[in-house]
PDB file of N, CA and C in Angstrom:
ATOM      1  N   MET A   1      85.796 102.615  90.205  1.00  0.00           N
ATOM      2  CA  MET A   1      86.359 100.697  90.919  1.00  0.00           C
ATOM      3  C   MET A   1      85.455 100.143  91.712  1.00  0.00           C
ATOM      4  N   GLY A   2      85.445  98.838  91.071  1.00  0.00           N
ATOM      5  CA  GLY A   2      84.842  98.305  92.390  1.00  0.00           C
ATOM      6  C   GLY A   2      85.805  97.190  93.647  1.00  0.00           C
ATOM      7  N   LEU A   3      85.428  96.580  94.558  1.00  0.00           N
ATOM      8  CA  LEU A   3      86.476  96.487  94.950  1.00  0.00           C
ATOM      9  C   LEU A   3      87.085  94.844  94.385  1.00  0.00           C
ATOM     10  N   ARG A   4      86.937  94.166  94.068  1.00  0.00           N
ATOM     11  CA  ARG A   4      86.980  93.199  93.318  1.00  0.00           C
ATOM     12  C   ARG A   4      87.764  93.429  92.500  1.00  0.00           C
ATOM     13  N   HIS A   5      87.771  95.035  92.014  1.00  0.00           N
ATOM     14  CA  HIS A   5      88.531  94.986  90.320  1.00  0.00           C
ATOM     15  C   HIS A   5      89.445  96.017  90.849  1.00  0.00           C
ATOM     16  N   SER A   6      89.249  95.635  91.667  1.00  0.00           N
ATOM     17  CA  SER A   6      91.065  96.950  92.721  1.00  0.00           C
ATOM     18  C   SER A   6      91.413  96.232  93.120  1.00  0.00           C
ATOM     19  N   LEU A   7      91.113  94.572  93.589  1.00  0.00           N
ATOM     20  CA  LEU A   7      91.840  93.359  94.699  1.00  0.00           C
ATOM     21  C   LEU A   7      92.647  92.887  92.962  1.00  0.00           C
ATOM     22  N   THR A   8      91.906  92.855  91.915  1.00  0.00           N
ATOM     23  CA  THR A   8      92.673  92.080  90.966  1.00  0.00           C
ATOM     24  C   THR A   8      93.952  92.281  90.292  1.00  0.00           C
ATOM     25  N   VAL A   9      93.492  94.001  90.186  1.00  0.00           N
ATOM     26  CA  VAL A   9      94.850  94.737  89.618  1.00  0.00           C
ATOM     27  C   VAL A   9      95.789  95.170  90.330  1.00  0.00           C
ATOM     28  N   LEU A  10      95.733  94.806  92.019  1.00  0.00           N
ATOM     29  CA  LEU A  10      96.801  94.785  92.959  1.00  0.00           C
ATOM     30  C   LEU A  10      97.150  93.578  92.674  1.00  0.00           C
ATOM     31  N   ARG A  11      97.162  92.842  92.556  1.00  0.00           N
ATOM     32  CA  ARG A  11      97.441  91.287  92.971  1.00  0.00           C
ATOM     33  C   ARG A  11      98.456  91.526  91.651  1.00  0.00           C
ATOM     34  N   GLN A  12      97.620  91.174  90.335  1.00  0.00           N
ATOM     35  CA  GLN A  12      98.599  91.604  88.815  1.00  0.00           C
ATOM     36  C   GLN A  12      99.339  92.630  89.257  1.00  0.00           C
ATOM     37  N   ALA A  13     100.086  93.408  89.672  1.00  0.00           N
ATOM     38  CA  ALA A  13     100.897  94.713  90.034  1.00  0.00           C
ATOM     39  C   ALA A  13     101.804  93.326  91.248  1.00  0.00           C
ATOM     40  N   ALA A  14     101.374  93.458  91.609  1.00  0.00           N
ATOM     41  CA  ALA A  14     102.246  92.249  92.854  1.00  0.00           C
ATOM     42  C   ALA A  14     103.100  91.259  92.318  1.00  0.00           C
ATOM     43  N   ARG A  15     102.124  90.869  90.932  1.00  0.00           N
ATOM     44  CA  ARG A  15     102.471  89.375  90.769  1.00  0.00           C
ATOM     45  C   ARG A  15     103.433  89.627  89.632  1.00  0.00           C
ATOM     46  N   ASP A  16     103.400  90.761  88.357  1.00  0.00           N
ATOM     47  CA  ASP A  16     104.270  91.713  88.037  1.00  0.00           C
ATOM     48  C   ASP A  16     105.699  91.867  88.756  1.00  0.00           C
ATOM     49  N   ALA A  17     105.572  92.759  89.129  1.00  0.00           N
ATOM     50  CA  ALA A  17     106.866  93.711  90.234  1.00  0.00           C
ATOM     51  C   ALA A  17     107.737  92.155  90.930  1.00  0.00           C
ATOM     52  N   ALA A  18     107.054  90.838  91.479  1.00  0.00           N
ATOM     53  CA  ALA A  18     108.267  89.959  91.862  1.00  0.00           C
ATOM     54  C   ALA A  18     108.805  89.190  90.863  1.00  0.00           C
ATOM     55  N   GLN A  19     108.047  88.917  90.031  1.00  0.00           N
ATOM     56  CA  GLN A  19     108.039  87.670  88.641  1.00  0.00           C
ATOM     57  C   GLN A  19     109.491  89.129  88.067  1.00  0.00           C
ATOM     58  N   SER A  20     109.174  90.254  87.770  1.00  0.00           N
ATOM     59  CA  SER A  20     110.642  91.254  87.609  1.00  0.00           C
ATOM     60  C   SER A  20     111.621  91.169  88.438  1.00  0.00           C
ATOM     61  N   ARG A  21     111.597  90.440  89.452  1.00  0.00           N
ATOM     62  CA  ARG A  21     112.738  89.991  90.450  1.00  0.00           C
ATOM     63  C   ARG A  21     112.744  89.006  90.786  1.00  0.00           C
ATOM     64  N   GLY A  22     112.443  87.650  89.428  1.00  0.00           N
ATOM     65  CA  GLY A  22     112.607  87.129  89.816  1.00  0.00           C
ATOM     66  C   GLY A  22     111.995  85.299  90.711  1.00  0.00           C
ATOM     67  N   HIS A  23     110.967  86.402  91.319  1.00  0.00           N
ATOM     68  CA  HIS A  23     110.084  85.175  92.330  1.00  0.00           C
ATOM     69  C   HIS A  23     109.073  84.610  91.211  1.00  0.00           C
ATOM     70  N   ALA A  24     108.198  83.067  91.743  1.00  0.00           N
ATOM     71  CA  ALA A  24     107.151  82.419  91.084  1.00  0.00           C
ATOM     72  C   ALA A  24     106.661  82.523  92.354  1.00  0.00           C
ATOM     73  N   LEU A  25     105.029  83.801  92.234  1.00  0.00           N
ATOM     74  CA  LEU A  25     104.324  83.780  93.672  1.00  0.00           C
ATOM     75  C   LEU A  25     103.801  82.537  93.516  1.00  0.00           C
ATOM     76  N   GLY A  26     102.560  82.284  94.325  1.00  0.00           N
ATOM     77  CA  GLY A  26     102.575  80.514  94.578  1.00  0.00           C
ATOM     78  C   GLY A  26     100.319  81.975  94.068  1.00  0.00           C
ATOM     79  N   LYS A  27      99.999  81.223  94.718  1.00  0.00           N
ATOM     80  CA  LYS A  27      97.889  81.587  95.071  1.00  0.00           C
ATOM     81  C   LYS A  27      98.174  83.175  96.053  1.00  0.00           C
ATOM     82  N   PHE A  28      97.530  83.721  95.712  1.00  0.00           N
ATOM     83  CA  PHE A  28      96.847  84.860  97.332  1.00  0.00           C
ATOM     84  C   PHE A  28      96.146  84.038  97.567  1.00  0.00           C
ATOM     85  N   THR A  29      96.520  84.237  98.861  1.00  0.00           N
ATOM     86  CA  THR A  29      95.192  83.622  99.967  1.00  0.00           C
ATOM     87  C   THR A  29      94.623  84.913 101.066  1.00  0.00           C
ATOM     88  N   PRO A  30      93.712  85.255 101.813  1.00  0.00           N
ATOM     89  CA  PRO A  30      93.067  85.643 102.112  1.00  0.00           C
ATOM     90  C   PRO A  30      94.249  85.753 103.565  1.00  0.00           C
ATOM     91  N   LEU A  31      94.538  87.055 104.877  1.00  0.00           N
ATOM     92  CA  LEU A  31      95.218  86.969 105.396  1.00  0.00           C
ATOM     93  C   LEU A  31      93.783  86.878 106.354  1.00  0.00           C
ATOM     94  N   ARG A  32      94.567  85.315 107.664  1.00  0.00           N
ATOM     95  CA  ARG A  32      93.381  84.843 108.359  1.00  0.00           C
ATOM     96  C   ARG A  32      94.365  85.957 109.798  1.00  0.00           C
ATOM     97  N   GLY A  33      92.547  86.740 110.444  1.00  0.00           N
ATOM     98  CA  GLY A  33      92.943  87.765 111.559  1.00  0.00           C
ATOM     99  C   GLY A  33      93.691  89.230 111.173  1.00  0.00           C
ATOM    100  N   ILE A  34      93.442  89.579 109.310  1.00  0.00           N
ATOM    101  CA  ILE A  34      94.233  90.521 109.811  1.00  0.00           C
ATOM    102  C   ILE A  34      93.504  91.390 107.917  1.00  0.00           C
ATOM    103  N   THR A  35      92.394  92.349 108.578  1.00  0.00           N
ATOM    104  CA  THR A  35      91.714  93.313 107.625  1.00  0.00           C
ATOM    105  C   THR A  35      91.629  94.833 107.853  1.00  0.00           C
ATOM    106  N   ASN A  36      91.084  95.550 106.862  1.00  0.00           N
ATOM    107  CA  ASN A  36      91.020  97.036 107.081  1.00  0.00           C
ATOM    108  C   ASN A  36      89.663  96.772 106.706  1.00  0.00           C
ATOM    109  N   THR A  37      88.889  98.233 106.122  1.00  0.00           N
ATOM    110  CA  THR A  37      87.961  98.393 105.955  1.00  0.00           C
ATOM    111  C   THR A  37      87.144  97.243 104.660  1.00  0.00           C
ATOM    112  N   TRP A  38      87.934  97.373 104.208  1.00  0.00           N
ATOM    113  CA  TRP A  38      87.322  96.582 102.798  1.00  0.00           C
ATOM    114  C   TRP A  38      87.941  95.326 103.633  1.00  0.00           C
ATOM    115  N   GLY A  39      88.383  94.200 104.198  1.00  0.00           N
ATOM    116  CA  GLY A  39      88.058  92.762 104.545  1.00  0.00           C
ATOM    117  C   GLY A  39      88.858  92.065 103.254  1.00  0.00           C
ATOM    118  N   ALA A  40      89.622  92.444 102.580  1.00  0.00           N
ATOM    119  CA  ALA A  40      89.899  91.756 101.382  1.00  0.00           C
ATOM    120  C   ALA A  40      91.819  91.841 101.550  1.00  0.00           C
ATOM    121  N   VAL A  41      92.926  91.784 102.310  1.00  0.00           N
ATOM    122  CA  VAL A  41      94.125  91.567 103.015  1.00  0.00           C
ATOM    123  C   VAL A  41      94.225  90.743 102.126  1.00  0.00           C
ATOM    124  N   SER A  42      95.035  90.174 101.197  1.00  0.00           N
ATOM    125  CA  SER A  42      95.940  88.965 100.799  1.00  0.00           C
ATOM    126  C   SER A  42      97.393  88.659  99.967  1.00  0.00           C
ATOM    127  N   SER A  43      97.850  87.214 100.194  1.00  0.00           N
ATOM    128  CA  SER A  43      99.181  87.447 100.329  1.00  0.00           C
ATOM    129  C   SER A  43      99.177  86.237  99.022  1.00  0.00           C
ATOM    130  N   ALA A  44     101.256  86.392  99.209  1.00  0.00           N
ATOM    131  CA  ALA A  44     101.558  84.987  97.986  1.00  0.00           C
ATOM    132  C   ALA A  44     102.781  85.003  98.759  1.00  0.00           C
ATOM    133  N   GLU A  45     103.120  83.809  99.013  1.00  0.00           N
ATOM    134  CA  GLU A  45     104.702  83.657  98.524  1.00  0.00           C
ATOM    135  C   GLU A  45     104.931  83.365  97.234  1.00  0.00           C
ATOM    136  N   CYS A  46     106.325  83.180  97.212  1.00  0.00           N
ATOM    137  CA  CYS A  46     106.666  82.657  95.705  1.00  0.00           C
ATOM    138  C   CYS A  46     107.158  81.501  95.954  1.00  0.00           C
ATOM    139  N   ASP A  47     106.928  80.677  94.928  1.00  0.00           N
ATOM    140  CA  ASP A  47     107.416  78.735  96.003  1.00  0.00           C
ATOM    141  C   ASP A  47     109.288  78.306  95.197  1.00  0.00           C
ATOM    142  N   LYS A  48     109.725  79.472  94.384  1.00  0.00           N
ATOM    143  CA  LYS A  48     111.172  79.158  94.712  1.00  0.00           C
ATOM    144  C   LYS A  48     112.246  79.642  96.192  1.00  0.00           C
ATOM    145  N   CYS A  49     111.632  80.246  96.986  1.00  0.00           N
ATOM    146  CA  CYS A  49     112.499  80.882  97.787  1.00  0.00           C
ATOM    147  C   CYS A  49     111.856  82.115  99.017  1.00  0.00           C
ATOM    148  N   GLY A  50     110.790  81.167  99.191  1.00  0.00           N
ATOM    149  CA  GLY A  50     109.971  82.469 100.466  1.00  0.00           C
ATOM    150  C   GLY A  50     108.797  83.257 100.364  1.00  0.00           C
ATOM    151  N   ALA A  51     109.946  83.738 100.103  1.00  0.00           N
ATOM    152  CA  ALA A  51     110.176  86.225  99.752  1.00  0.00           C
ATOM    153  C   ALA A  51     108.000  86.115  99.240  1.00  0.00           C
ATOM    154  N   TRP A  52     107.531  87.077 100.370  1.00  0.00           N
ATOM    155  CA  TRP A  52     105.633  87.319 100.346  1.00  0.00           C
ATOM    156  C   TRP A  52     105.766  88.433  99.910  1.00  0.00           C
ATOM    157  N   VAL A  53     104.406  89.061  99.520  1.00  0.00           N
ATOM    158  CA  VAL A  53     104.255  89.507  98.950  1.00  0.00           C
ATOM    159  C   VAL A  53     102.662  89.868  99.867  1.00  0.00           C
ATOM    160  N   GLN A  54     102.111  90.748 100.171  1.00  0.00           N
ATOM    161  CA  GLN A  54     100.890  91.604 100.355  1.00  0.00           C
ATOM    162  C   GLN A  54     100.514  92.555 100.396  1.00  0.00           C
ATOM    163  N   VAL A  55      98.784  92.613  99.646  1.00  0.00           N
ATOM    164  CA  VAL A  55      98.218  93.049  98.924  1.00  0.00           C
ATOM    165  C   VAL A  55      97.375  93.757  99.787  1.00  0.00           C
ATOM    166  N   THR A  56      96.271  95.339 100.007  1.00  0.00           N
ATOM    167  CA  THR A  56      95.495  95.887 100.335  1.00  0.00           C
ATOM    168  C   THR A  56      95.029  96.913  99.866  1.00  0.00           C
ATOM    169  N   PRO A  57      93.499  96.580  99.187  1.00  0.00           N
ATOM    170  CA  PRO A  57      93.050  97.499  98.521  1.00  0.00           C
ATOM    171  C   PRO A  57      92.545  98.675 100.029  1.00  0.00           C
ATOM    172  N   LYS A  58      92.671  99.493  99.280  1.00  0.00           N
ATOM    173  CA  LYS A  58      92.462 101.164 100.263  1.00  0.00           C
ATOM    174  C   LYS A  58      92.683 100.753 101.348  1.00  0.00           C
ATOM    175  N   PRO A  59      94.091 100.868 101.377  1.00  0.00           N
ATOM    176  CA  PRO A  59      95.050 101.349 103.020  1.00  0.00           C
ATOM    177  C   PRO A  59      94.449 101.948 103.600  1.00  0.00           C
ATOM    178  N   ALA A  60      95.354 102.483 105.210  1.00  0.00           N
ATOM    179  CA  ALA A  60      94.853 103.230 105.883  1.00  0.00           C
ATOM    180  C   ALA A  60      95.687 104.641 105.615  1.00  0.00           C
ATOM    181  N   PRO A  61      95.895 105.886 105.240  1.00  0.00           N
ATOM    182  CA  PRO A  61      96.434 106.925 104.956  1.00  0.00           C
ATOM    183  C   PRO A  61      98.126 106.379 105.334  1.00  0.00           C
ATOM    184  N   ASN A  62      98.126 106.048 106.204  1.00  0.00           N
ATOM    185  CA  ASN A  62      99.694 105.764 105.589  1.00  0.00           C
ATOM    186  C   ASN A  62     100.080 104.159 106.090  1.00  0.00           C
ATOM    187  N   GLY A  63      99.756 103.786 105.233  1.00  0.00           N
ATOM    188  CA  GLY A  63      99.384 102.270 104.520  1.00  0.00           C
ATOM    189  C   GLY A  63     100.223 102.491 103.412  1.00  0.00           C
ATOM    190  N   ILE A  64     100.399 101.373 102.837  1.00  0.00           N
ATOM    191  CA  ILE A  64     100.628 100.827 101.143  1.00  0.00           C
ATOM    192  C   ILE A  64      99.943  99.824 100.869  1.00  0.00           C
ATOM    193  N   GLU A  65      99.401 100.242  99.598  1.00  0.00           N
ATOM    194  CA  GLU A  65      98.462  98.677  98.816  1.00  0.00           C
ATOM    195  C   GLU A  65      99.670  97.178  98.448  1.00  0.00           C
ATOM    196  N   ILE A  66     100.704  98.111  97.865  1.00  0.00           N
ATOM    197  CA  ILE A  66     101.816  96.567  97.454  1.00  0.00           C
ATOM    198  C   ILE A  66     103.247  96.014  98.622  1.00  0.00           C
ATOM    199  N   GLY A  67     103.042  95.677  99.044  1.00  0.00           N
ATOM    200  CA  GLY A  67     104.750  95.696  99.696  1.00  0.00           C
ATOM    201  C   GLY A  67     105.226  93.911 100.659  1.00  0.00           C
ATOM    202  N   GLY A  68     106.380  93.694 100.666  1.00  0.00           N
ATOM    203  CA  GLY A  68     106.968  93.063 101.290  1.00  0.00           C
ATOM    204  C   GLY A  68     108.404  92.553 100.267  1.00  0.00           C
ATOM    205  N   SER A  69     109.092  91.634 100.517  1.00  0.00           N
ATOM    206  CA  SER A  69     110.613  90.844 100.126  1.00  0.00           C
ATOM    207  C   SER A  69     110.370  90.848  98.742  1.00  0.00           C
ATOM    208  N   ALA A  70     109.423  89.900  97.995  1.00  0.00           N
ATOM    209  CA  ALA A  70     109.125  89.879  96.908  1.00  0.00           C
ATOM    210  C   ALA A  70     109.477  90.764  96.237  1.00  0.00           C
ATOM    211  N   VAL A  71     108.703  91.584  96.801  1.00  0.00           N
ATOM    212  CA  VAL A  71     108.431  93.306  95.739  1.00  0.00           C
ATOM    213  C   VAL A  71     109.672  94.106  95.720  1.00  0.00           C
ATOM    214  N   ALA A  72     110.510  93.691  96.415  1.00  0.00           N
ATOM    215  CA  ALA A  72     111.361  94.714  97.144  1.00  0.00           C
ATOM    216  C   ALA A  72     112.781  93.968  96.971  1.00  0.00           C
ATOM    217  N   VAL A  73     112.888  92.811  96.572  1.00  0.00           N
ATOM    218  CA  VAL A  73     114.963  92.234  96.343  1.00  0.00           C
ATOM    219  C   VAL A  73     114.287  90.732  95.429  1.00  0.00           C
ATOM    220  N   GLY A  74     115.421  90.701  95.054  1.00  0.00           N
ATOM    221  CA  GLY A  74     115.583  89.589  93.726  1.00  0.00           C
ATOM    222  C   GLY A  74     115.375  87.588  94.682  1.00  0.00           C
ATOM    223  N   CYS A  75     114.395  87.217  93.972  1.00  0.00           N
ATOM    224  CA  CYS A  75     114.782  85.813  93.842  1.00  0.00           C
ATOM    225  C   CYS A  75     115.772  85.272  95.035  1.00  0.00           C
ATOM    226  N   ASN A  76     116.206  84.756  95.986  1.00  0.00           N
ATOM    227  CA  ASN A  76     117.757  83.700  95.425  1.00  0.00           C
ATOM    228  C   ASN A  76     118.097  82.705  96.244  1.00  0.00           C
ATOM    229  N   ALA A  77     116.695  81.874  95.364  1.00  0.00           N
ATOM    230  CA  ALA A  77     116.799  80.706  95.311  1.00  0.00           C
ATOM    231  C   ALA A  77     117.350  79.954  93.515  1.00  0.00           C
TER     232      ALA A  77
END
């Protein structure tokens, strides 16, 4: 699996998880100044409440691929 495919799959999984909690994520954008070996860490925010999600392809051994309040709690808007 290539990096682009992996990033696409992770973003869709994050979007699906956030949507199941009532969030409406905006566009994913690269995080400035935050990279991993693959340089593709990105995030998106809920257009309704501002909750966020971050995706990190190939994270460090103690890291996570998908994280943030938009995939952890329901939308409060």
